[in-house]
Amino acid sequence: MNILITGATTSKAYQLERFLNRPDEIILADSAELPAFLLKSKRFLKIPDENASSFVHELLALCLDHEVEEVYPLRPQEIAGLASARLLFEEYGIKVMTPADYSLEKE
């Protein structure tokens, strides 16, 4: 089982990685530019921009390709998009760790 944590360029991603304490199963991902040497590692992925209309479907495809079973989105737009797509991910056995009723208007 692999775990995907977004926001790989943020300190929150690394705090969550340490908290989960499963280093061999964690993949860090970000839509921001990552150095080429990180992308050569199996631990880092470039994901689509969270504002892209295809964000949810492209992220789902990446999760399936990398056998991800849990997704921890850290950026507000990612959380909002994935909260509304939780059912889609669950159909493929992937848990999206967001509140079910998350909305950007609440912030």
PDB file of N, CA and C in Angstrom:
ATOM      1  N   MET A   1       0.839  -1.183   0.000  1.00  0.00           N
ATOM      2  CA  MET A   1       0.000   0.000   0.000  1.00  0.00           C
ATOM      3  C   MET A   1       0.878   1.237   0.000  1.00  0.00           C
ATOM      4  N   ASN A   2       0.561   2.193  -0.863  1.00  0.00           N
ATOM      5  CA  ASN A   2       1.271   3.460  -0.891  1.00  0.00           C
ATOM      6  C   ASN A   2       0.354   4.580  -0.432  1.00  0.00           C
ATOM      7  N   ILE A   3       0.969   5.618   0.086  1.00  0.00           N
ATOM      8  CA  ILE A   3       0.273   6.802   0.571  1.00  0.00           C
ATOM      9  C   ILE A   3       0.794   7.989  -0.220  1.00  0.00           C
ATOM     10  N   LEU A   4      -0.112   8.820  -0.726  1.00  0.00           N
ATOM     11  CA  LEU A   4       0.274  10.015  -1.470  1.00  0.00           C
ATOM     12  C   LEU A   4      -0.006  11.241  -0.613  1.00  0.00           C
ATOM     13  N   ILE A   5       1.017  12.061  -0.418  1.00  0.00           N
ATOM     14  CA  ILE A   5       0.879  13.327   0.296  1.00  0.00           C
ATOM     15  C   ILE A   5       1.190  14.434  -0.697  1.00  0.00           C
ATOM     16  N   THR A   6       0.262  15.364  -0.868  1.00  0.00           N
ATOM     17  CA  THR A   6       0.514  16.475  -1.781  1.00  0.00           C
ATOM     18  C   THR A   6       1.237  17.598  -1.039  1.00  0.00           C
ATOM     19  N   GLY A   7       1.588  18.632  -1.776  1.00  0.00           N
ATOM     20  CA  GLY A   7       2.280  19.764  -1.163  1.00  0.00           C
ATOM     21  C   GLY A   7       3.707  19.434  -0.784  1.00  0.00           C
ATOM     22  N   ALA A   8       4.395  18.681  -1.643  1.00  0.00           N
ATOM     23  CA  ALA A   8       5.753  18.200  -1.341  1.00  0.00           C
ATOM     24  C   ALA A   8       6.750  19.321  -1.096  1.00  0.00           C
ATOM     25  N   THR A   9       6.427  20.531  -1.520  1.00  0.00           N
ATOM     26  CA  THR A   9       7.345  21.646  -1.289  1.00  0.00           C
ATOM     27  C   THR A   9       7.056  22.369   0.024  1.00  0.00           C
ATOM     28  N   THR A  10       6.134  21.833   0.825  1.00  0.00           N
ATOM     29  CA  THR A  10       5.784  22.475   2.096  1.00  0.00           C
ATOM     30  C   THR A  10       6.301  21.670   3.280  1.00  0.00           C
ATOM     31  N   SER A  11       6.504  22.360   4.375  1.00  0.00           N
ATOM     32  CA  SER A  11       6.958  21.676   5.591  1.00  0.00           C
ATOM     33  C   SER A  11       5.861  20.766   6.149  1.00  0.00           C
ATOM     34  N   LYS A  12       4.588  21.108   5.914  1.00  0.00           N
ATOM     35  CA  LYS A  12       3.481  20.271   6.403  1.00  0.00           C
ATOM     36  C   LYS A  12       3.553  18.858   5.829  1.00  0.00           C
ATOM     37  N   ALA A  13       3.972  18.741   4.585  1.00  0.00           N
ATOM     38  CA  ALA A  13       4.073  17.419   3.958  1.00  0.00           C
ATOM     39  C   ALA A  13       5.087  16.553   4.698  1.00  0.00           C
ATOM     40  N   TYR A  14       6.197  17.143   5.078  1.00  0.00           N
ATOM     41  CA  TYR A  14       7.242  16.379   5.766  1.00  0.00           C
ATOM     42  C   TYR A  14       6.861  16.093   7.215  1.00  0.00           C
ATOM     43  N   GLN A  15       6.109  16.996   7.839  1.00  0.00           N
ATOM     44  CA  GLN A  15       5.598  16.733   9.182  1.00  0.00           C
ATOM     45  C   GLN A  15       4.624  15.557   9.153  1.00  0.00           C
ATOM     46  N   LEU A  16       3.742  15.552   8.167  1.00  0.00           N
ATOM     47  CA  LEU A  16       2.787  14.450   8.032  1.00  0.00           C
ATOM     48  C   LEU A  16       3.512  13.147   7.724  1.00  0.00           C
ATOM     49  N   GLU A  17       4.516  13.209   6.870  1.00  0.00           N
ATOM     50  CA  GLU A  17       5.303  12.012   6.550  1.00  0.00           C
ATOM     51  C   GLU A  17       5.918  11.417   7.818  1.00  0.00           C
ATOM     52  N   ARG A  18       6.497  12.262   8.657  1.00  0.00           N
ATOM     53  CA  ARG A  18       7.093  11.768   9.911  1.00  0.00           C
ATOM     54  C   ARG A  18       6.022  11.218  10.846  1.00  0.00           C
ATOM     55  N   PHE A  19       4.868  11.890  10.914  1.00  0.00           N
ATOM     56  CA  PHE A  19       3.782  11.448  11.780  1.00  0.00           C
ATOM     57  C   PHE A  19       3.263  10.071  11.363  1.00  0.00           C
ATOM     58  N   LEU A  20       3.095   9.855  10.072  1.00  0.00           N
ATOM     59  CA  LEU A  20       2.589   8.565   9.581  1.00  0.00           C
ATOM     60  C   LEU A  20       3.606   7.449   9.786  1.00  0.00           C
ATOM     61  N   ASN A  21       4.887   7.805   9.784  1.00  0.00           N
ATOM     62  CA  ASN A  21       5.976   6.871  10.094  1.00  0.00           C
ATOM     63  C   ASN A  21       5.932   5.591   9.254  1.00  0.00           C
ATOM     64  N   ARG A  22       5.750   5.763   7.954  1.00  0.00           N
ATOM     65  CA  ARG A  22       5.771   4.635   7.022  1.00  0.00           C
ATOM     66  C   ARG A  22       6.585   5.039   5.799  1.00  0.00           C
ATOM     67  N   PRO A  23       7.876   5.301   5.987  1.00  0.00           N
ATOM     68  CA  PRO A  23       8.697   5.905   4.934  1.00  0.00           C
ATOM     69  C   PRO A  23       8.753   5.124   3.626  1.00  0.00           C
ATOM     70  N   ASP A  24       8.654   3.819   3.678  1.00  0.00           N
ATOM     71  CA  ASP A  24       8.738   3.022   2.450  1.00  0.00           C
ATOM     72  C   ASP A  24       7.461   3.069   1.624  1.00  0.00           C
ATOM     73  N   GLU A  25       6.388   3.587   2.206  1.00  0.00           N
ATOM     74  CA  GLU A  25       5.099   3.590   1.529  1.00  0.00           C
ATOM     75  C   GLU A  25       4.652   4.979   1.094  1.00  0.00           C
ATOM     76  N   ILE A  26       5.409   6.009   1.424  1.00  0.00           N
ATOM     77  CA  ILE A  26       4.965   7.379   1.182  1.00  0.00           C
ATOM     78  C   ILE A  26       5.548   7.942  -0.107  1.00  0.00           C
ATOM     79  N   ILE A  27       4.644   8.526  -0.900  1.00  0.00           N
ATOM     80  CA  ILE A  27       5.016   9.234  -2.121  1.00  0.00           C
ATOM     81  C   ILE A  27       4.619  10.690  -1.908  1.00  0.00           C
ATOM     82  N   LEU A  28       5.556  11.593  -2.125  1.00  0.00           N
ATOM     83  CA  LEU A  28       5.284  13.024  -2.012  1.00  0.00           C
ATOM     84  C   LEU A  28       5.041  13.584  -3.410  1.00  0.00           C
ATOM     85  N   ALA A  29       4.050  14.456  -3.531  1.00  0.00           N
ATOM     86  CA  ALA A  29       3.689  14.992  -4.844  1.00  0.00           C
ATOM     87  C   ALA A  29       3.414  16.480  -4.742  1.00  0.00           C
ATOM     88  N   ASP A  30       3.599  17.165  -5.863  1.00  0.00           N
ATOM     89  CA  ASP A  30       3.317  18.599  -5.880  1.00  0.00           C
ATOM     90  C   ASP A  30       3.050  19.058  -7.306  1.00  0.00           C
ATOM     91  N   SER A  31       2.228  20.091  -7.422  1.00  0.00           N
ATOM     92  CA  SER A  31       2.003  20.705  -8.730  1.00  0.00           C
ATOM     93  C   SER A  31       3.057  21.772  -9.001  1.00  0.00           C
ATOM     94  N   ALA A  32       3.733  22.217  -7.955  1.00  0.00           N
ATOM     95  CA  ALA A  32       4.832  23.179  -8.124  1.00  0.00           C
ATOM     96  C   ALA A  32       6.024  22.457  -8.743  1.00  0.00           C
ATOM     97  N   GLU A  33       6.899  23.227  -9.333  1.00  0.00           N
ATOM     98  CA  GLU A  33       8.089  22.634  -9.945  1.00  0.00           C
ATOM     99  C   GLU A  33       8.955  21.970  -8.880  1.00  0.00           C
ATOM    100  N   LEU A  34       9.349  20.751  -9.154  1.00  0.00           N
ATOM    101  CA  LEU A  34      10.253  20.012  -8.280  1.00  0.00           C
ATOM    102  C   LEU A  34      11.580  19.839  -9.007  1.00  0.00           C
ATOM    103  N   PRO A  35      12.681  19.853  -8.276  1.00  0.00           N
ATOM    104  CA  PRO A  35      13.982  19.630  -8.924  1.00  0.00           C
ATOM    105  C   PRO A  35      14.010  18.281  -9.640  1.00  0.00           C
ATOM    106  N   ALA A  36      14.690  18.234 -10.764  1.00  0.00           N
ATOM    107  CA  ALA A  36      14.742  17.023 -11.590  1.00  0.00           C
ATOM    108  C   ALA A  36      15.248  15.818 -10.814  1.00  0.00           C
ATOM    109  N   PHE A  37      16.222  16.020  -9.918  1.00  0.00           N
ATOM    110  CA  PHE A  37      16.757  14.871  -9.183  1.00  0.00           C
ATOM    111  C   PHE A  37      15.712  14.256  -8.257  1.00  0.00           C
ATOM    112  N   LEU A  38      14.752  15.053  -7.772  1.00  0.00           N
ATOM    113  CA  LEU A  38      13.686  14.486  -6.943  1.00  0.00           C
ATOM    114  C   LEU A  38      12.719  13.664  -7.783  1.00  0.00           C
ATOM    115  N   LEU A  39      12.425  14.152  -8.981  1.00  0.00           N
ATOM    116  CA  LEU A  39      11.471  13.455  -9.841  1.00  0.00           C
ATOM    117  C   LEU A  39      12.004  12.116 -10.337  1.00  0.00           C
ATOM    118  N   LYS A  40      13.308  11.925 -10.292  1.00  0.00           N
ATOM    119  CA  LYS A  40      13.884  10.633 -10.686  1.00  0.00           C
ATOM    120  C   LYS A  40      13.650   9.575  -9.616  1.00  0.00           C
ATOM    121  N   SER A  41      13.347  10.020  -8.418  1.00  0.00           N
ATOM    122  CA  SER A  41      13.085   9.115  -7.303  1.00  0.00           C
ATOM    123  C   SER A  41      11.648   8.602  -7.390  1.00  0.00           C
ATOM    124  N   LYS A  42      11.414   7.390  -6.917  1.00  0.00           N
ATOM    125  CA  LYS A  42      10.053   6.845  -6.862  1.00  0.00           C
ATOM    126  C   LYS A  42       9.219   7.561  -5.804  1.00  0.00           C
ATOM    127  N   ARG A  43       9.867   8.299  -4.921  1.00  0.00           N
ATOM    128  CA  ARG A  43       9.180   8.953  -3.808  1.00  0.00           C
ATOM    129  C   ARG A  43       8.522  10.275  -4.179  1.00  0.00           C
ATOM    130  N   PHE A  44       8.811  10.834  -5.333  1.00  0.00           N
ATOM    131  CA  PHE A  44       8.287  12.148  -5.701  1.00  0.00           C
ATOM    132  C   PHE A  44       7.570  12.092  -7.046  1.00  0.00           C
ATOM    133  N   LEU A  45       6.427  12.783  -7.110  1.00  0.00           N
ATOM    134  CA  LEU A  45       5.653  12.853  -8.346  1.00  0.00           C
ATOM    135  C   LEU A  45       5.258  14.289  -8.634  1.00  0.00           C
ATOM    136  N   LYS A  46       5.199  14.610  -9.892  1.00  0.00           N
ATOM    137  CA  LYS A  46       4.638  15.887 -10.338  1.00  0.00           C
ATOM    138  C   LYS A  46       3.168  15.623 -10.621  1.00  0.00           C
ATOM    139  N   ILE A  47       2.295  16.402  -9.998  1.00  0.00           N
ATOM    140  CA  ILE A  47       0.856  16.244 -10.217  1.00  0.00           C
ATOM    141  C   ILE A  47       0.327  17.485 -10.936  1.00  0.00           C
ATOM    142  N   PRO A  48      -0.853  17.380 -11.545  1.00  0.00           N
ATOM    143  CA  PRO A  48      -1.413  18.535 -12.247  1.00  0.00           C
ATOM    144  C   PRO A  48      -1.772  19.656 -11.272  1.00  0.00           C
ATOM    145  N   ASP A  49      -1.869  20.849 -11.802  1.00  0.00           N
ATOM    146  CA  ASP A  49      -2.281  22.000 -11.002  1.00  0.00           C
ATOM    147  C   ASP A  49      -3.677  21.748 -10.448  1.00  0.00           C
ATOM    148  N   GLU A  50      -3.866  22.090  -9.184  1.00  0.00           N
ATOM    149  CA  GLU A  50      -5.153  21.818  -8.531  1.00  0.00           C
ATOM    150  C   GLU A  50      -6.307  22.611  -9.132  1.00  0.00           C
ATOM    151  N   ASN A  51      -6.021  23.648  -9.901  1.00  0.00           N
ATOM    152  CA  ASN A  51      -7.074  24.434 -10.555  1.00  0.00           C
ATOM    153  C   ASN A  51      -7.439  23.905 -11.937  1.00  0.00           C
ATOM    154  N   ALA A  52      -6.702  22.933 -12.432  1.00  0.00           N
ATOM    155  CA  ALA A  52      -6.983  22.358 -13.752  1.00  0.00           C
ATOM    156  C   ALA A  52      -8.291  21.570 -13.703  1.00  0.00           C
ATOM    157  N   SER A  53      -9.059  21.658 -14.769  1.00  0.00           N
ATOM    158  CA  SER A  53     -10.348  20.950 -14.799  1.00  0.00           C
ATOM    159  C   SER A  53     -10.170  19.436 -14.735  1.00  0.00           C
ATOM    160  N   SER A  54      -9.014  18.945 -15.151  1.00  0.00           N
ATOM    161  CA  SER A  54      -8.764  17.498 -15.150  1.00  0.00           C
ATOM    162  C   SER A  54      -7.994  17.026 -13.915  1.00  0.00           C
ATOM    163  N   PHE A  55      -7.835  17.904 -12.924  1.00  0.00           N
ATOM    164  CA  PHE A  55      -7.027  17.576 -11.741  1.00  0.00           C
ATOM    165  C   PHE A  55      -7.441  16.255 -11.094  1.00  0.00           C
ATOM    166  N   VAL A  56      -8.715  16.112 -10.800  1.00  0.00           N
ATOM    167  CA  VAL A  56      -9.200  14.920 -10.092  1.00  0.00           C
ATOM    168  C   VAL A  56      -8.921  13.657 -10.898  1.00  0.00           C
ATOM    169  N   HIS A  57      -9.227  13.670 -12.183  1.00  0.00           N
ATOM    170  CA  HIS A  57      -9.057  12.471 -13.004  1.00  0.00           C
ATOM    171  C   HIS A  57      -7.583  12.129 -13.227  1.00  0.00           C
ATOM    172  N   GLU A  58      -6.751  13.144 -13.399  1.00  0.00           N
ATOM    173  CA  GLU A  58      -5.317  12.878 -13.563  1.00  0.00           C
ATOM    174  C   GLU A  58      -4.705  12.356 -12.271  1.00  0.00           C
ATOM    175  N   LEU A  59      -5.148  12.903 -11.135  1.00  0.00           N
ATOM    176  CA  LEU A  59      -4.631  12.417  -9.854  1.00  0.00           C
ATOM    177  C   LEU A  59      -5.090  10.982  -9.603  1.00  0.00           C
ATOM    178  N   LEU A  60      -6.327  10.673  -9.951  1.00  0.00           N
ATOM    179  CA  LEU A  60      -6.819   9.302  -9.818  1.00  0.00           C
ATOM    180  C   LEU A  60      -5.973   8.348 -10.655  1.00  0.00           C
ATOM    181  N   ALA A  61      -5.662   8.724 -11.879  1.00  0.00           N
ATOM    182  CA  ALA A  61      -4.835   7.874 -12.746  1.00  0.00           C
ATOM    183  C   ALA A  61      -3.453   7.654 -12.135  1.00  0.00           C
ATOM    184  N   LEU A  62      -2.855   8.704 -11.580  1.00  0.00           N
ATOM    185  CA  LEU A  62      -1.547   8.561 -10.926  1.00  0.00           C
ATOM    186  C   LEU A  62      -1.637   7.638  -9.716  1.00  0.00           C
ATOM    187  N   CYS A  63      -2.713   7.775  -8.955  1.00  0.00           N
ATOM    188  CA  CYS A  63      -2.901   6.911  -7.784  1.00  0.00           C
ATOM    189  C   CYS A  63      -3.007   5.445  -8.200  1.00  0.00           C
ATOM    190  N   LEU A  64      -3.740   5.180  -9.253  1.00  0.00           N
ATOM    191  CA  LEU A  64      -3.877   3.804  -9.731  1.00  0.00           C
ATOM    192  C   LEU A  64      -2.547   3.276 -10.264  1.00  0.00           C
ATOM    193  N   ASP A  65      -1.814   4.108 -10.995  1.00  0.00           N
ATOM    194  CA  ASP A  65      -0.517   3.698 -11.547  1.00  0.00           C
ATOM    195  C   ASP A  65       0.499   3.366 -10.461  1.00  0.00           C
ATOM    196  N   HIS A  66       0.408   4.072  -9.327  1.00  0.00           N
ATOM    197  CA  HIS A  66       1.399   3.903  -8.257  1.00  0.00           C
ATOM    198  C   HIS A  66       0.843   3.142  -7.053  1.00  0.00           C
ATOM    199  N   GLU A  67      -0.296   2.493  -7.242  1.00  0.00           N
ATOM    200  CA  GLU A  67      -0.913   1.659  -6.210  1.00  0.00           C
ATOM    201  C   GLU A  67      -1.099   2.408  -4.890  1.00  0.00           C
ATOM    202  N   VAL A  68      -1.627   3.620  -4.995  1.00  0.00           N
ATOM    203  CA  VAL A  68      -1.890   4.453  -3.823  1.00  0.00           C
ATOM    204  C   VAL A  68      -3.237   4.060  -3.235  1.00  0.00           C
ATOM    205  N   GLU A  69      -3.279   3.922  -1.916  1.00  0.00           N
ATOM    206  CA  GLU A  69      -4.529   3.584  -1.238  1.00  0.00           C
ATOM    207  C   GLU A  69      -5.029   4.688  -0.318  1.00  0.00           C
ATOM    208  N   GLU A  70      -4.180   5.689  -0.039  1.00  0.00           N
ATOM    209  CA  GLU A  70      -4.594   6.832   0.771  1.00  0.00           C
ATOM    210  C   GLU A  70      -3.994   8.096   0.168  1.00  0.00           C
ATOM    211  N   VAL A  71      -4.804   9.163   0.125  1.00  0.00           N
ATOM    212  CA  VAL A  71      -4.340  10.452  -0.386  1.00  0.00           C
ATOM    213  C   VAL A  71      -4.572  11.506   0.695  1.00  0.00           C
ATOM    214  N   TYR A  72      -3.534  12.262   0.987  1.00  0.00           N
ATOM    215  CA  TYR A  72      -3.605  13.363   1.944  1.00  0.00           C
ATOM    216  C   TYR A  72      -3.339  14.672   1.198  1.00  0.00           C
ATOM    217  N   PRO A  73      -4.391  15.351   0.733  1.00  0.00           N
ATOM    218  CA  PRO A  73      -4.181  16.637   0.064  1.00  0.00           C
ATOM    219  C   PRO A  73      -3.949  17.728   1.114  1.00  0.00           C
ATOM    220  N   LEU A  74      -3.012  18.618   0.851  1.00  0.00           N
ATOM    221  CA  LEU A  74      -2.682  19.645   1.835  1.00  0.00           C
ATOM    222  C   LEU A  74      -3.054  21.065   1.415  1.00  0.00           C
ATOM    223  N   ARG A  75      -3.211  21.313   0.149  1.00  0.00           N
ATOM    224  CA  ARG A  75      -3.543  22.666  -0.311  1.00  0.00           C
ATOM    225  C   ARG A  75      -5.068  22.825  -0.378  1.00  0.00           C
ATOM    226  N   PRO A  76      -5.583  24.016  -0.013  1.00  0.00           N
ATOM    227  CA  PRO A  76      -7.046  24.211   0.035  1.00  0.00           C
ATOM    228  C   PRO A  76      -7.777  23.824  -1.248  1.00  0.00           C
ATOM    229  N   GLN A  77      -7.254  24.201  -2.410  1.00  0.00           N
ATOM    230  CA  GLN A  77      -7.928  23.857  -3.675  1.00  0.00           C
ATOM    231  C   GLN A  77      -7.938  22.346  -3.898  1.00  0.00           C
ATOM    232  N   GLU A  78      -6.851  21.677  -3.528  1.00  0.00           N
ATOM    233  CA  GLU A  78      -6.795  20.213  -3.670  1.00  0.00           C
ATOM    234  C   GLU A  78      -7.817  19.564  -2.748  1.00  0.00           C
ATOM    235  N   ILE A  79      -7.884  20.056  -1.513  1.00  0.00           N
ATOM    236  CA  ILE A  79      -8.831  19.500  -0.538  1.00  0.00           C
ATOM    237  C   ILE A  79     -10.256  19.664  -1.049  1.00  0.00           C
ATOM    238  N   ALA A  80     -10.581  20.855  -1.541  1.00  0.00           N
ATOM    239  CA  ALA A  80     -11.938  21.107  -2.039  1.00  0.00           C
ATOM    240  C   ALA A  80     -12.279  20.201  -3.211  1.00  0.00           C
ATOM    241  N   GLY A  81     -11.375  20.095  -4.170  1.00  0.00           N
ATOM    242  CA  GLY A  81     -11.631  19.253  -5.339  1.00  0.00           C
ATOM    243  C   GLY A  81     -11.751  17.782  -4.996  1.00  0.00           C
ATOM    244  N   LEU A  82     -10.885  17.321  -4.113  1.00  0.00           N
ATOM    245  CA  LEU A  82     -10.895  15.898  -3.771  1.00  0.00           C
ATOM    246  C   LEU A  82     -12.006  15.540  -2.790  1.00  0.00           C
ATOM    247  N   ALA A  83     -12.425  16.487  -1.955  1.00  0.00           N
ATOM    248  CA  ALA A  83     -13.545  16.213  -1.047  1.00  0.00           C
ATOM    249  C   ALA A  83     -14.803  15.894  -1.850  1.00  0.00           C
ATOM    250  N   SER A  84     -14.988  16.610  -2.946  1.00  0.00           N
ATOM    251  CA  SER A  84     -16.178  16.356  -3.772  1.00  0.00           C
ATOM    252  C   SER A  84     -16.029  15.101  -4.632  1.00  0.00           C
ATOM    253  N   ALA A  85     -14.813  14.582  -4.736  1.00  0.00           N
ATOM    254  CA  ALA A  85     -14.572  13.381  -5.553  1.00  0.00           C
ATOM    255  C   ALA A  85     -14.254  12.154  -4.702  1.00  0.00           C
ATOM    256  N   ARG A  86     -14.507  12.234  -3.411  1.00  0.00           N
ATOM    257  CA  ARG A  86     -14.185  11.107  -2.520  1.00  0.00           C
ATOM    258  C   ARG A  86     -14.829   9.806  -2.976  1.00  0.00           C
ATOM    259  N   LEU A  87     -16.086   9.861  -3.371  1.00  0.00           N
ATOM    260  CA  LEU A  87     -16.806   8.658  -3.793  1.00  0.00           C
ATOM    261  C   LEU A  87     -16.138   8.012  -5.001  1.00  0.00           C
ATOM    262  N   LEU A  88     -15.710   8.819  -5.961  1.00  0.00           N
ATOM    263  CA  LEU A  88     -15.021   8.296  -7.140  1.00  0.00           C
ATOM    264  C   LEU A  88     -13.761   7.538  -6.730  1.00  0.00           C
ATOM    265  N   PHE A  89     -12.952   8.117  -5.864  1.00  0.00           N
ATOM    266  CA  PHE A  89     -11.731   7.463  -5.412  1.00  0.00           C
ATOM    267  C   PHE A  89     -12.050   6.196  -4.615  1.00  0.00           C
ATOM    268  N   GLU A  90     -13.086   6.256  -3.775  1.00  0.00           N
ATOM    269  CA  GLU A  90     -13.466   5.091  -2.972  1.00  0.00           C
ATOM    270  C   GLU A  90     -13.882   3.914  -3.849  1.00  0.00           C
ATOM    271  N   GLU A  91     -14.465   4.191  -5.012  1.00  0.00           N
ATOM    272  CA  GLU A  91     -14.843   3.118  -5.934  1.00  0.00           C
ATOM    273  C   GLU A  91     -13.626   2.319  -6.397  1.00  0.00           C
ATOM    274  N   TYR A  92     -12.461   2.936  -6.341  1.00  0.00           N
ATOM    275  CA  TYR A  92     -11.207   2.275  -6.723  1.00  0.00           C
ATOM    276  C   TYR A  92     -10.388   1.859  -5.507  1.00  0.00           C
ATOM    277  N   GLY A  93     -10.984   1.903  -4.325  1.00  0.00           N
ATOM    278  CA  GLY A  93     -10.298   1.472  -3.112  1.00  0.00           C
ATOM    279  C   GLY A  93      -9.288   2.474  -2.579  1.00  0.00           C
ATOM    280  N   ILE A  94      -9.469   3.744  -2.914  1.00  0.00           N
ATOM    281  CA  ILE A  94      -8.541   4.790  -2.481  1.00  0.00           C
ATOM    282  C   ILE A  94      -9.262   5.714  -1.499  1.00  0.00           C
ATOM    283  N   LYS A  95      -8.703   5.859  -0.305  1.00  0.00           N
ATOM    284  CA  LYS A  95      -9.268   6.756   0.701  1.00  0.00           C
ATOM    285  C   LYS A  95      -8.684   8.152   0.507  1.00  0.00           C
ATOM    286  N   VAL A  96      -9.559   9.137   0.419  1.00  0.00           N
ATOM    287  CA  VAL A  96      -9.131  10.532   0.342  1.00  0.00           C
ATOM    288  C   VAL A  96      -9.368  11.136   1.716  1.00  0.00           C
ATOM    289  N   MET A  97      -8.303  11.571   2.347  1.00  0.00           N
ATOM    290  CA  MET A  97      -8.376  12.052   3.718  1.00  0.00           C
ATOM    291  C   MET A  97      -8.740  13.538   3.746  1.00  0.00           C
ATOM    292  N   THR A  98     -10.028  13.803   3.555  1.00  0.00           N
ATOM    293  CA  THR A  98     -10.566  15.161   3.615  1.00  0.00           C
ATOM    294  C   THR A  98     -11.893  15.109   4.350  1.00  0.00           C
ATOM    295  N   PRO A  99     -12.331  16.245   4.882  1.00  0.00           N
ATOM    296  CA  PRO A  99     -13.692  16.283   5.419  1.00  0.00           C
ATOM    297  C   PRO A  99     -14.672  16.094   4.264  1.00  0.00           C
ATOM    298  N   ALA A 100     -15.754  15.411   4.499  1.00  0.00           N
ATOM    299  CA  ALA A 100     -16.717  15.124   3.434  1.00  0.00           C
ATOM    300  C   ALA A 100     -17.372  16.386   2.890  1.00  0.00           C
ATOM    301  N   ASP A 101     -17.519  17.405   3.723  1.00  0.00           N
ATOM    302  CA  ASP A 101     -18.249  18.602   3.300  1.00  0.00           C
ATOM    303  C   ASP A 101     -17.349  19.833   3.200  1.00  0.00           C
ATOM    304  N   TYR A 102     -16.101  19.654   2.838  1.00  0.00           N
ATOM    305  CA  TYR A 102     -15.156  20.771   2.770  1.00  0.00           C
ATOM    306  C   TYR A 102     -15.528  21.728   1.644  1.00  0.00           C
ATOM    307  N   SER A 103     -15.445  23.010   1.939  1.00  0.00           N
ATOM    308  CA  SER A 103     -15.721  24.038   0.937  1.00  0.00           C
ATOM    309  C   SER A 103     -14.766  25.205   1.149  1.00  0.00           C
ATOM    310  N   LEU A 104     -14.307  25.808   0.065  1.00  0.00           N
ATOM    311  CA  LEU A 104     -13.407  26.961   0.179  1.00  0.00           C
ATOM    312  C   LEU A 104     -14.121  28.171   0.776  1.00  0.00           C
ATOM    313  N   GLU A 105     -15.448  28.231   0.670  1.00  0.00           N
ATOM    314  CA  GLU A 105     -16.191  29.356   1.241  1.00  0.00           C
ATOM    315  C   GLU A 105     -16.090  29.391   2.757  1.00  0.00           C
ATOM    316  N   LYS A 106     -15.806  28.249   3.383  1.00  0.00           N
ATOM    317  CA  LYS A 106     -15.716  28.186   4.848  1.00  0.00           C
ATOM    318  C   LYS A 106     -14.463  28.868   5.373  1.00  0.00           C
ATOM    319  N   GLU A 107     -13.487  29.083   4.515  1.00  0.00           N
ATOM    320  CA  GLU A 107     -12.215  29.655   4.980  1.00  0.00           C
ATOM    321  C   GLU A 107     -12.280  31.149   5.074  1.00  0.00           C
TER     322      GLU A 107
END
